[in-house]
Structure formats: structure tokens, C-alpha cells
Amino acid sequence: LLLRALTLASTDVTWLAALSLGPDGALQGLEE
């Protein structure tokens, strides 16, 4: 569900495309 939300949100906010998800659903790469 979060991966889908991230994909949809990154179409409007392109820097979100650089994020990935950890196995527990934590956002990775946020600070960078």
C-alpha cells in the first residue's frame, strides 16, 4: 500500500521517487 502511495505521490513531487521502503515499511533515503 505504501509503495503504491509513494509511486502516486512521486508523480507530483518528483524528489519522492528517490525514496525506498525498508522491510518494516520505514522510508529509506529520506534525509538524502
All heavy atoms as atom14 arrays in JSON, in Angstrom:
{
  "sequence": "LLLRALTLASTDVTWLAALSLGPDGALQGLEE",
  "atom14_mask": [
    [1, 1, 1, 1, 1, 1, 1, 1, 0, 0, 0, 0, 0, 0],
    [1, 1, 1, 1, 1, 1, 1, 1, 0, 0, 0, 0, 0, 0],
    [1, 1, 1, 1, 1, 1, 1, 1, 0, 0, 0, 0, 0, 0],
    [1, 1, 1, 1, 1, 1, 1, 1, 1, 1, 1, 0, 0, 0],
    [1, 1, 1, 1, 1, 0, 0, 0, 0, 0, 0, 0, 0, 0],
    [1, 1, 1, 1, 1, 1, 1, 1, 0, 0, 0, 0, 0, 0],
    [1, 1, 1, 1, 1, 1, 1, 0, 0, 0, 0, 0, 0, 0],
    [1, 1, 1, 1, 1, 1, 1, 1, 0, 0, 0, 0, 0, 0],
    [1, 1, 1, 1, 1, 0, 0, 0, 0, 0, 0, 0, 0, 0],
    [1, 1, 1, 1, 1, 1, 0, 0, 0, 0, 0, 0, 0, 0],
    [1, 1, 1, 1, 1, 1, 1, 0, 0, 0, 0, 0, 0, 0],
    [1, 1, 1, 1, 1, 1, 1, 1, 0, 0, 0, 0, 0, 0],
    [1, 1, 1, 1, 1, 1, 1, 0, 0, 0, 0, 0, 0, 0],
    [1, 1, 1, 1, 1, 1, 1, 0, 0, 0, 0, 0, 0, 0],
    [1, 1, 1, 1, 1, 1, 1, 1, 1, 1, 1, 1, 1, 1],
    [1, 1, 1, 1, 1, 1, 1, 1, 0, 0, 0, 0, 0, 0],
    [1, 1, 1, 1, 1, 0, 0, 0, 0, 0, 0, 0, 0, 0],
    [1, 1, 1, 1, 1, 0, 0, 0, 0, 0, 0, 0, 0, 0],
    [1, 1, 1, 1, 1, 1, 1, 1, 0, 0, 0, 0, 0, 0],
    [1, 1, 1, 1, 1, 1, 0, 0, 0, 0, 0, 0, 0, 0],
    [1, 1, 1, 1, 1, 1, 1, 1, 0, 0, 0, 0, 0, 0],
    [1, 1, 1, 1, 0, 0, 0, 0, 0, 0, 0, 0, 0, 0],
    [1, 1, 1, 1, 1, 1, 1, 0, 0, 0, 0, 0, 0, 0],
    [1, 1, 1, 1, 1, 1, 1, 1, 0, 0, 0, 0, 0, 0],
    [1, 1, 1, 1, 0, 0, 0, 0, 0, 0, 0, 0, 0, 0],
    [1, 1, 1, 1, 1, 0, 0, 0, 0, 0, 0, 0, 0, 0],
    [1, 1, 1, 1, 1, 1, 1, 1, 0, 0, 0, 0, 0, 0],
    [1, 1, 1, 1, 1, 1, 1, 1, 1, 0, 0, 0, 0, 0],
    [1, 1, 1, 1, 0, 0, 0, 0, 0, 0, 0, 0, 0, 0],
    [1, 1, 1, 1, 1, 1, 1, 1, 0, 0, 0, 0, 0, 0],
    [1, 1, 1, 1, 1, 1, 1, 1, 1, 0, 0, 0, 0, 0],
    [1, 1, 1, 1, 1, 1, 1, 1, 1, 0, 0, 0, 0, 0]
  ],
  "atom14_positions": [
    [[0.83, -1.21, 0.0], [0.0, 0.0, 0.0], [0.87, 1.26, 0.0], [0.63, 2.2, -0.77], [-0.91, -0.01, 1.23], [-2.02, 1.03, 1.26], [-3.08, 0.72, 0.2], [-2.65, 1.07, 2.63], [0.0, 0.0, 0.0], [0.0, 0.0, 0.0], [0.0, 0.0, 0.0], [0.0, 0.0, 0.0], [0.0, 0.0, 0.0], [0.0, 0.0, 0.0]],
    [[1.9, 1.27, 0.82], [2.77, 2.43, 0.89], [3.56, 2.62, -0.4], [3.73, 3.75, -0.86], [3.73, 2.33, 2.08], [4.63, 3.53, 2.25], [3.82, 4.81, 2.47], [5.59, 3.32, 3.39], [0.0, 0.0, 0.0], [0.0, 0.0, 0.0], [0.0, 0.0, 0.0], [0.0, 0.0, 0.0], [0.0, 0.0, 0.0], [0.0, 0.0, 0.0]],
    [[4.0, 1.53, -1.0], [4.73, 1.64, -2.26], [3.85, 2.26, -3.34], [4.29, 3.1, -4.12], [5.25, 0.27, -2.7], [6.17, 0.27, -3.91], [7.39, 1.16, -3.7], [6.61, -1.14, -4.22], [0.0, 0.0, 0.0], [0.0, 0.0, 0.0], [0.0, 0.0, 0.0], [0.0, 0.0, 0.0], [0.0, 0.0, 0.0], [0.0, 0.0, 0.0]],
    [[2.59, 1.87, -3.36], [1.65, 2.46, -4.32], [1.45, 3.94, -4.03], [1.44, 4.78, -4.94], [0.31, 1.71, -4.29], [-0.7, 2.24, -5.26], [-0.26, 2.01, -6.69], [-1.24, 2.57, -7.6], [-0.96, 3.1, -8.77], [0.28, 3.1, -9.21], [-1.9, 3.6, -9.53], [0.0, 0.0, 0.0], [0.0, 0.0, 0.0], [0.0, 0.0, 0.0]],
    [[1.28, 4.28, -2.76], [1.12, 5.69, -2.38], [2.35, 6.5, -2.76], [2.25, 7.62, -3.26], [0.84, 5.8, -0.88], [0.0, 0.0, 0.0], [0.0, 0.0, 0.0], [0.0, 0.0, 0.0], [0.0, 0.0, 0.0], [0.0, 0.0, 0.0], [0.0, 0.0, 0.0], [0.0, 0.0, 0.0], [0.0, 0.0, 0.0], [0.0, 0.0, 0.0]],
    [[3.52, 5.93, -2.55], [4.77, 6.61, -2.89], [4.88, 6.82, -4.4], [5.27, 7.89, -4.85], [5.96, 5.79, -2.36], [7.33, 6.41, -2.45], [7.39, 7.76, -1.75], [8.37, 5.46, -1.86], [0.0, 0.0, 0.0], [0.0, 0.0, 0.0], [0.0, 0.0, 0.0], [0.0, 0.0, 0.0], [0.0, 0.0, 0.0], [0.0, 0.0, 0.0]],
    [[4.49, 5.82, -5.16], [4.52, 5.94, -6.62], [3.57, 7.03, -7.1], [3.93, 7.86, -7.94], [4.15, 4.59, -7.27], [5.1, 3.61, -6.86], [4.15, 4.69, -8.78], [0.0, 0.0, 0.0], [0.0, 0.0, 0.0], [0.0, 0.0, 0.0], [0.0, 0.0, 0.0], [0.0, 0.0, 0.0], [0.0, 0.0, 0.0], [0.0, 0.0, 0.0]],
    [[2.36, 7.05, -6.56], [1.39, 8.07, -6.95], [1.85, 9.47, -6.54], [1.75, 10.42, -7.32], [0.03, 7.76, -6.33], [-0.68, 6.53, -6.87], [-1.89, 6.18, -5.99], [-1.1, 6.74, -8.31], [0.0, 0.0, 0.0], [0.0, 0.0, 0.0], [0.0, 0.0, 0.0], [0.0, 0.0, 0.0], [0.0, 0.0, 0.0], [0.0, 0.0, 0.0]],
    [[2.35, 9.59, -5.32], [2.77, 10.91, -4.82], [3.99, 11.43, -5.59], [4.12, 12.65, -5.79], [3.08, 10.84, -3.33], [0.0, 0.0, 0.0], [0.0, 0.0, 0.0], [0.0, 0.0, 0.0], [0.0, 0.0, 0.0], [0.0, 0.0, 0.0], [0.0, 0.0, 0.0], [0.0, 0.0, 0.0], [0.0, 0.0, 0.0], [0.0, 0.0, 0.0]],
    [[4.86, 10.54, -6.03], [6.08, 10.99, -6.72], [5.81, 11.53, -8.12], [6.67, 12.17, -8.71], [7.12, 9.87, -6.76], [6.67, 8.81, -7.55], [0.0, 0.0, 0.0], [0.0, 0.0, 0.0], [0.0, 0.0, 0.0], [0.0, 0.0, 0.0], [0.0, 0.0, 0.0], [0.0, 0.0, 0.0], [0.0, 0.0, 0.0], [0.0, 0.0, 0.0]],
    [[4.6, 11.31, -8.65], [4.28, 11.92, -9.94], [4.11, 13.43, -9.8], [4.37, 14.17, -10.74], [3.0, 11.31, -10.57], [1.9, 11.55, -9.71], [3.18, 9.83, -10.83], [0.0, 0.0, 0.0], [0.0, 0.0, 0.0], [0.0, 0.0, 0.0], [0.0, 0.0, 0.0], [0.0, 0.0, 0.0], [0.0, 0.0, 0.0], [0.0, 0.0, 0.0]],
    [[3.68, 13.88, -8.62], [3.53, 15.32, -8.37], [4.74, 15.92, -7.67], [5.06, 17.09, -7.87], [2.29, 15.58, -7.51], [1.0, 15.34, -8.26], [0.98, 15.54, -9.5], [0.0, 14.94, -7.63], [0.0, 0.0, 0.0], [0.0, 0.0, 0.0], [0.0, 0.0, 0.0], [0.0, 0.0, 0.0], [0.0, 0.0, 0.0], [0.0, 0.0, 0.0]],
    [[5.39, 15.14, -6.83], [6.54, 15.61, -6.06], [7.7, 14.69, -6.43], [7.89, 13.63, -5.83], [6.25, 15.59, -4.55], [7.42, 16.14, -3.77], [4.97, 16.34, -4.22], [0.0, 0.0, 0.0], [0.0, 0.0, 0.0], [0.0, 0.0, 0.0], [0.0, 0.0, 0.0], [0.0, 0.0, 0.0], [0.0, 0.0, 0.0], [0.0, 0.0, 0.0]],
    [[8.49, 15.12, -7.39], [9.48, 14.23, -8.01], [10.57, 13.74, -7.06], [11.07, 12.64, -7.24], [10.12, 14.9, -9.23], [10.7, 16.15, -8.83], [9.09, 15.14, -10.32], [0.0, 0.0, 0.0], [0.0, 0.0, 0.0], [0.0, 0.0, 0.0], [0.0, 0.0, 0.0], [0.0, 0.0, 0.0], [0.0, 0.0, 0.0], [0.0, 0.0, 0.0]],
    [[10.93, 14.52, -6.04], [12.0, 14.06, -5.15], [11.6, 12.83, -4.35], [12.46, 12.09, -3.87], [12.5, 15.18, -4.23], [11.55, 15.66, -3.18], [10.7, 16.73, -3.26], [11.34, 15.11, -1.88], [9.99, 16.86, -2.11], [10.37, 15.88, -1.24], [11.9, 14.03, -1.19], [9.93, 15.62, 0.06], [11.47, 13.77, 0.1], [10.49, 14.55, 0.71]],
    [[10.3, 12.54, -4.25], [9.85, 11.35, -3.54], [10.27, 10.07, -4.26], [10.37, 9.01, -3.65], [8.33, 11.37, -3.38], [7.76, 12.38, -2.39], [6.23, 12.39, -2.47], [8.22, 12.1, -0.97], [0.0, 0.0, 0.0], [0.0, 0.0, 0.0], [0.0, 0.0, 0.0], [0.0, 0.0, 0.0], [0.0, 0.0, 0.0], [0.0, 0.0, 0.0]],
    [[10.52, 10.14, -5.56], [10.93, 8.97, -6.33], [12.26, 8.4, -5.85], [12.56, 7.23, -6.11], [10.99, 9.3, -7.81], [0.0, 0.0, 0.0], [0.0, 0.0, 0.0], [0.0, 0.0, 0.0], [0.0, 0.0, 0.0], [0.0, 0.0, 0.0], [0.0, 0.0, 0.0], [0.0, 0.0, 0.0], [0.0, 0.0, 0.0], [0.0, 0.0, 0.0]],
    [[13.05, 9.2, -5.15], [14.34, 8.73, -4.65], [14.21, 7.89, -3.38], [15.17, 7.28, -2.94], [15.26, 9.93, -4.37], [0.0, 0.0, 0.0], [0.0, 0.0, 0.0], [0.0, 0.0, 0.0], [0.0, 0.0, 0.0], [0.0, 0.0, 0.0], [0.0, 0.0, 0.0], [0.0, 0.0, 0.0], [0.0, 0.0, 0.0], [0.0, 0.0, 0.0]],
    [[13.01, 7.84, -2.81], [12.8, 7.08, -1.57], [12.56, 5.62, -1.87], [12.08, 5.25, -2.93], [11.62, 7.64, -0.79], [11.69, 9.11, -0.38], [10.44, 9.49, 0.4], [12.93, 9.38, 0.44], [0.0, 0.0, 0.0], [0.0, 0.0, 0.0], [0.0, 0.0, 0.0], [0.0, 0.0, 0.0], [0.0, 0.0, 0.0], [0.0, 0.0, 0.0]],
    [[12.89, 4.79, -0.88], [12.58, 3.37, -0.97], [12.02, 2.94, 0.39], [12.02, 3.71, 1.35], [13.83, 2.56, -1.33], [14.82, 2.72, -0.34], [0.0, 0.0, 0.0], [0.0, 0.0, 0.0], [0.0, 0.0, 0.0], [0.0, 0.0, 0.0], [0.0, 0.0, 0.0], [0.0, 0.0, 0.0], [0.0, 0.0, 0.0], [0.0, 0.0, 0.0]],
    [[11.55, 1.71, 0.44], [10.97, 1.19, 1.68], [11.85, 0.11, 2.26], [12.32, -0.77, 1.54], [9.58, 0.6, 1.42], [8.53, 1.54, 0.88], [7.21, 0.79, 0.72], [8.35, 2.73, 1.79], [0.0, 0.0, 0.0], [0.0, 0.0, 0.0], [0.0, 0.0, 0.0], [0.0, 0.0, 0.0], [0.0, 0.0, 0.0], [0.0, 0.0, 0.0]],
    [[12.0, 0.15, 3.58], [12.66, -0.93, 4.28], [11.67, -2.07, 4.48], [10.47, -1.92, 4.24], [0.0, 0.0, 0.0], [0.0, 0.0, 0.0], [0.0, 0.0, 0.0], [0.0, 0.0, 0.0], [0.0, 0.0, 0.0], [0.0, 0.0, 0.0], [0.0, 0.0, 0.0], [0.0, 0.0, 0.0], [0.0, 0.0, 0.0], [0.0, 0.0, 0.0]],
    [[12.14, -3.21, 4.95], [11.26, -4.35, 5.15], [10.13, -4.09, 6.14], [9.07, -4.69, 6.06], [12.18, -5.45, 5.68], [13.55, -4.93, 5.6], [13.51, -3.48, 5.26], [0.0, 0.0, 0.0], [0.0, 0.0, 0.0], [0.0, 0.0, 0.0], [0.0, 0.0, 0.0], [0.0, 0.0, 0.0], [0.0, 0.0, 0.0], [0.0, 0.0, 0.0]],
    [[10.36, -3.15, 7.06], [9.33, -2.82, 8.05], [8.45, -1.66, 7.62], [7.62, -1.18, 8.38], [9.98, -2.51, 9.39], [10.89, -1.3, 9.34], [11.21, -0.82, 8.22], [11.31, -0.82, 10.4], [0.0, 0.0, 0.0], [0.0, 0.0, 0.0], [0.0, 0.0, 0.0], [0.0, 0.0, 0.0], [0.0, 0.0, 0.0], [0.0, 0.0, 0.0]],
    [[8.63, -1.18, 6.39], [7.83, -0.07, 5.88], [8.41, 1.3, 6.17], [7.8, 2.31, 5.84], [0.0, 0.0, 0.0], [0.0, 0.0, 0.0], [0.0, 0.0, 0.0], [0.0, 0.0, 0.0], [0.0, 0.0, 0.0], [0.0, 0.0, 0.0], [0.0, 0.0, 0.0], [0.0, 0.0, 0.0], [0.0, 0.0, 0.0], [0.0, 0.0, 0.0]],
    [[9.57, 1.34, 6.78], [10.22, 2.63, 7.06], [10.73, 3.24, 5.76], [11.23, 2.54, 4.88], [11.37, 2.44, 8.03], [0.0, 0.0, 0.0], [0.0, 0.0, 0.0], [0.0, 0.0, 0.0], [0.0, 0.0, 0.0], [0.0, 0.0, 0.0], [0.0, 0.0, 0.0], [0.0, 0.0, 0.0], [0.0, 0.0, 0.0], [0.0, 0.0, 0.0]],
    [[10.56, 4.55, 5.64], [11.07, 5.25, 4.47], [12.59, 5.33, 4.54], [13.15, 5.73, 5.56], [10.49, 6.67, 4.41], [9.0, 6.76, 4.13], [8.52, 8.18, 4.29], [8.68, 6.24, 2.75], [0.0, 0.0, 0.0], [0.0, 0.0, 0.0], [0.0, 0.0, 0.0], [0.0, 0.0, 0.0], [0.0, 0.0, 0.0], [0.0, 0.0, 0.0]],
    [[13.25, 4.94, 3.46], [14.7, 4.99, 3.4], [15.14, 6.01, 2.38], [14.51, 6.16, 1.34], [15.27, 3.6, 3.05], [14.96, 2.58, 4.11], [15.53, 1.22, 3.78], [15.7, 0.85, 2.63], [15.82, 0.45, 4.82], [0.0, 0.0, 0.0], [0.0, 0.0, 0.0], [0.0, 0.0, 0.0], [0.0, 0.0, 0.0], [0.0, 0.0, 0.0]],
    [[16.21, 6.72, 2.69], [16.75, 7.74, 1.8], [16.1, 9.09, 1.96], [16.29, 9.99, 1.15], [0.0, 0.0, 0.0], [0.0, 0.0, 0.0], [0.0, 0.0, 0.0], [0.0, 0.0, 0.0], [0.0, 0.0, 0.0], [0.0, 0.0, 0.0], [0.0, 0.0, 0.0], [0.0, 0.0, 0.0], [0.0, 0.0, 0.0], [0.0, 0.0, 0.0]],
    [[15.33, 9.26, 3.04], [14.58, 10.5, 3.23], [15.5, 11.7, 3.41], [15.32, 12.72, 2.75], [13.65, 10.36, 4.43], [12.7, 11.51, 4.68], [11.77, 11.72, 3.5], [11.89, 11.26, 5.95], [0.0, 0.0, 0.0], [0.0, 0.0, 0.0], [0.0, 0.0, 0.0], [0.0, 0.0, 0.0], [0.0, 0.0, 0.0], [0.0, 0.0, 0.0]],
    [[16.49, 11.58, 4.28], [17.38, 12.73, 4.54], [18.13, 13.14, 3.28], [18.26, 14.32, 2.99], [18.35, 12.41, 5.66], [17.69, 12.34, 7.02], [18.67, 12.07, 8.14], [19.88, 12.33, 7.97], [18.23, 11.6, 9.2], [0.0, 0.0, 0.0], [0.0, 0.0, 0.0], [0.0, 0.0, 0.0], [0.0, 0.0, 0.0], [0.0, 0.0, 0.0]],
    [[18.61, 12.16, 2.52], [19.35, 12.46, 1.29], [18.45, 13.09, 0.24], [18.85, 14.02, -0.46], [19.98, 11.19, 0.71], [21.03, 10.56, 1.6], [20.43, 9.61, 2.66], [19.19, 9.46, 2.73], [21.21, 9.06, 3.44], [0.0, 0.0, 0.0], [0.0, 0.0, 0.0], [0.0, 0.0, 0.0], [0.0, 0.0, 0.0], [0.0, 0.0, 0.0]]
  ]
}
